Protein backbone atom coordinates (compact mmCIF):
# COMPACT_ATOMS: atom_id res chain seq x y z
CA MET A 1 -43.28 48.36 136.13
CA ILE A 2 -44.29 46.03 133.30
CA ASN A 3 -43.16 42.94 135.21
CA ASP A 4 -45.04 44.02 138.34
CA CYS A 5 -48.24 44.58 136.35
CA ILE A 6 -47.94 41.26 134.57
CA LYS A 7 -47.31 39.51 137.90
CA LYS A 8 -50.42 41.16 139.36
CA ALA A 9 -52.48 40.11 136.31
CA VAL A 10 -51.19 36.53 136.55
CA ASP A 11 -52.08 36.35 140.26
CA ILE A 12 -55.60 37.57 139.48
CA LEU A 13 -55.98 35.10 136.59
CA LEU A 14 -54.74 32.18 138.70
CA ASN A 15 -57.37 33.06 141.32
CA GLY A 16 -60.23 33.01 138.81
CA GLY A 17 -60.26 36.73 138.05
CA VAL A 18 -60.96 38.61 134.84
CA VAL A 19 -58.63 41.21 133.32
CA LEU A 20 -58.95 43.88 130.67
CA TYR A 21 -55.83 44.05 128.51
CA PRO A 22 -54.40 45.16 125.16
CA THR A 23 -53.95 42.32 122.68
CA ASP A 24 -52.42 41.97 119.25
CA THR A 25 -55.81 43.08 117.88
CA VAL A 26 -58.49 44.93 119.87
CA TRP A 27 -58.71 45.42 123.66
CA GLY A 28 -59.71 42.14 125.25
CA ILE A 29 -61.30 40.63 128.30
CA GLY A 30 -59.32 37.67 129.54
CA CYS A 31 -59.36 34.87 132.05
CA ASP A 32 -57.91 31.41 132.62
CA ALA A 33 -59.14 29.22 129.74
CA THR A 34 -59.10 26.20 132.06
CA ASN A 35 -61.42 27.77 134.66
CA PRO A 36 -65.14 27.28 133.81
CA ASP A 37 -66.32 29.75 136.47
CA ALA A 38 -64.08 32.54 135.14
CA ILE A 39 -65.31 31.83 131.61
CA GLU A 40 -68.92 31.96 132.78
CA ARG A 41 -68.19 35.35 134.29
CA ILE A 42 -66.93 36.63 130.91
CA PHE A 43 -70.14 35.45 129.25
CA GLN A 44 -72.08 37.42 131.88
CA ILE A 45 -69.94 40.56 131.49
CA LYS A 46 -70.39 40.50 127.72
CA LYS A 47 -74.07 39.46 127.95
CA ARG A 48 -73.12 36.81 125.43
CA ALA A 49 -74.82 33.47 124.78
CA GLU A 50 -72.67 30.55 125.85
CA ALA A 51 -73.30 28.91 122.49
CA LYS A 52 -70.92 31.49 120.97
CA ALA A 53 -67.40 30.24 121.65
CA LEU A 54 -64.49 32.44 122.74
CA ILE A 55 -60.94 32.71 121.41
CA ILE A 56 -57.85 31.80 123.41
CA LEU A 57 -54.35 33.22 123.09
CA LEU A 58 -51.11 31.31 123.30
CA ASP A 59 -47.59 32.73 123.20
CA ASN A 60 -46.05 29.94 121.13
CA LYS A 61 -47.26 27.58 118.41
CA ASN A 62 -45.51 24.69 120.18
CA ARG A 63 -48.22 24.86 122.87
CA LEU A 64 -50.97 23.98 120.36
CA GLU A 65 -50.52 20.25 120.88
CA THR A 66 -51.56 20.65 124.51
CA TYR A 67 -54.93 22.20 123.59
CA VAL A 68 -55.81 20.74 120.19
CA GLU A 69 -56.72 17.06 119.73
CA LYS A 70 -55.20 16.72 116.24
CA ILE A 71 -53.51 19.55 114.41
CA PRO A 72 -54.09 19.58 110.65
CA ASP A 73 -50.79 19.89 108.75
CA ILE A 74 -51.97 23.05 106.95
CA THR A 75 -51.95 24.84 110.32
CA TRP A 76 -48.19 25.32 110.45
CA ASN A 77 -48.08 26.97 107.02
CA LEU A 78 -50.98 29.26 107.87
CA ILE A 79 -49.37 30.39 111.12
CA ASP A 80 -46.00 31.00 109.47
CA CYS A 81 -47.34 32.75 106.36
CA PHE A 82 -49.86 35.16 107.87
CA GLU A 83 -48.35 38.51 108.80
CA LYS A 84 -51.49 39.87 110.46
CA PRO A 85 -53.08 38.34 113.57
CA LEU A 86 -54.70 35.01 112.68
CA THR A 87 -57.19 33.00 114.70
CA ILE A 88 -57.55 29.38 113.66
CA ILE A 89 -60.57 27.27 114.58
CA TYR A 90 -59.42 23.69 115.17
CA PRO A 91 -61.81 20.71 114.92
CA LYS A 92 -61.41 19.50 118.50
CA GLY A 93 -60.02 21.19 121.59
CA LYS A 94 -58.74 19.54 124.76
CA ASN A 95 -57.41 20.41 128.23
CA ILE A 96 -59.52 23.55 128.52
CA ALA A 97 -62.79 24.34 130.27
CA PRO A 98 -65.74 22.61 128.56
CA ASN A 99 -67.76 25.85 128.37
CA LEU A 100 -65.02 27.36 126.22
CA LEU A 101 -65.50 24.84 123.41
CA ALA A 102 -68.01 25.47 120.63
CA GLU A 103 -71.02 23.13 120.44
CA ASP A 104 -69.16 20.98 117.87
CA GLY A 105 -66.10 20.67 120.18
CA SER A 106 -63.97 23.07 118.16
CA ILE A 107 -61.68 25.68 119.65
CA ALA A 108 -60.43 29.03 118.30
CA ILE A 109 -56.77 29.82 119.05
CA ARG A 110 -54.50 32.70 118.12
CA ILE A 111 -50.74 32.70 118.58
CA THR A 112 -49.96 36.26 119.60
CA ARG A 113 -46.82 37.92 118.29
CA GLU A 114 -47.47 41.28 119.95
CA LYS A 115 -44.92 41.94 122.70
CA PHE A 116 -47.21 42.73 125.63
CA SER A 117 -49.87 40.03 125.17
CA ARG A 118 -47.15 37.49 124.41
CA SER A 119 -45.36 38.40 127.67
CA LEU A 120 -48.62 38.04 129.58
CA CYS A 121 -49.32 34.62 128.03
CA ARG A 122 -45.76 33.46 128.67
CA ALA A 123 -45.91 34.53 132.32
CA PHE A 124 -49.34 32.93 132.81
CA GLN A 125 -48.23 29.57 131.34
CA LYS A 126 -51.81 28.64 130.46
CA PRO A 127 -54.16 29.52 127.62
CA LEU A 128 -55.68 32.95 128.07
CA VAL A 129 -59.20 33.80 126.95
CA SER A 130 -59.17 36.73 124.54
CA THR A 131 -62.55 38.13 123.65
CA SER A 132 -63.24 41.68 122.57
CA ALA A 133 -64.02 44.03 125.47
CA ASN A 134 -67.57 44.87 124.42
CA ILE A 135 -71.14 43.88 125.13
CA SER A 136 -72.20 41.20 122.65
CA GLY A 137 -73.57 42.76 119.49
CA LYS A 138 -71.83 46.11 120.04
CA ALA A 139 -68.73 47.28 118.16
CA SER A 140 -65.35 45.95 119.31
CA PRO A 141 -63.20 48.61 121.02
CA ARG A 142 -60.45 49.60 118.59
CA ASN A 143 -58.50 51.26 121.40
CA PHE A 144 -58.83 51.70 125.16
CA SER A 145 -60.90 54.88 124.94
CA GLU A 146 -63.67 52.88 123.22
CA VAL A 147 -64.00 50.34 126.07
CA SER A 148 -67.28 51.11 127.84
CA ALA A 149 -67.41 52.16 131.49
CA ASP A 150 -69.73 49.18 132.08
CA ILE A 151 -67.06 46.71 130.93
CA ARG A 152 -64.30 48.51 132.85
CA ALA A 153 -66.35 48.35 136.07
CA GLN A 154 -66.87 44.58 135.88
CA VAL A 155 -63.30 43.34 135.53
CA ASP A 156 -60.88 42.71 138.39
CA TYR A 157 -57.87 44.45 136.87
CA ILE A 158 -57.19 46.78 133.94
CA LEU A 159 -53.64 46.51 132.70
CA PRO A 160 -52.09 49.99 132.46
CA PHE A 161 -50.44 49.59 129.08
CA ARG A 162 -51.26 51.16 125.71
CA ARG A 163 -54.21 53.09 127.13
CA ASN A 164 -53.26 56.32 125.38
CA GLU A 165 -52.80 54.88 121.91
CA ASP A 166 -55.07 56.36 119.29
CA ILE A 167 -54.42 53.60 116.76
CA LEU A 168 -57.65 52.01 115.58
CA SER A 169 -57.03 48.28 115.89
CA THR A 170 -58.98 45.60 114.03
CA PRO A 171 -60.00 42.05 114.92
CA SER A 172 -58.01 39.08 113.65
CA THR A 173 -58.64 37.09 110.51
CA ILE A 174 -60.42 33.84 111.40
CA ILE A 175 -59.90 30.60 109.47
CA ARG A 176 -61.52 27.22 110.15
CA VAL A 177 -59.25 24.26 109.33
CA GLY A 178 -60.28 20.69 108.56
CA MET A 179 -58.35 17.49 109.10
CA ARG A 180 -57.83 16.94 105.37
CA GLY A 181 -55.95 20.19 104.85
CA ASP A 182 -59.04 22.12 103.85
CA PHE A 183 -59.72 25.55 105.28
CA ARG A 184 -62.17 28.40 104.87
CA PHE A 185 -62.20 32.03 105.90
CA VAL A 186 -64.76 32.85 108.57
CA ARG A 187 -63.82 36.56 108.94
């Protein structure tokens, strides 16, 4: 069943669709990070200003070089040392939709270690947008039961995994890295 659901999600993503799925943090809304129209749709679903950038998920740190212009050396230590989910904001993204980049050209990426979201990313073979499944300004859903009916109605597919969990998940830690090895905590 899991492979069939992931295949269905990948087909929807490849055709510009939007999915609702469990991540390594909170429930997320996702789409193809290389498709500007799909990204625009997520901004509309969330009622979010396009000036606020979105996070992307990758299944493997070796894929970073495809989507980040220059990777500061400190990055590898941060990824390896953090036990909890970590999103890193890199100075300059590449090979993704322009409306996914922040105004300064930076990009936020998290390497997921959670089994399901990692399998989805691996099957998709592209960066996957991962933004909390909430209307902008509202609380992030800590489990599926907290995802609003409005959000559920606007996506093309809701993955059927981990819906009954009552664990209260939390968002990732966010760190911004600089090219000189400097970094600062954002969240």
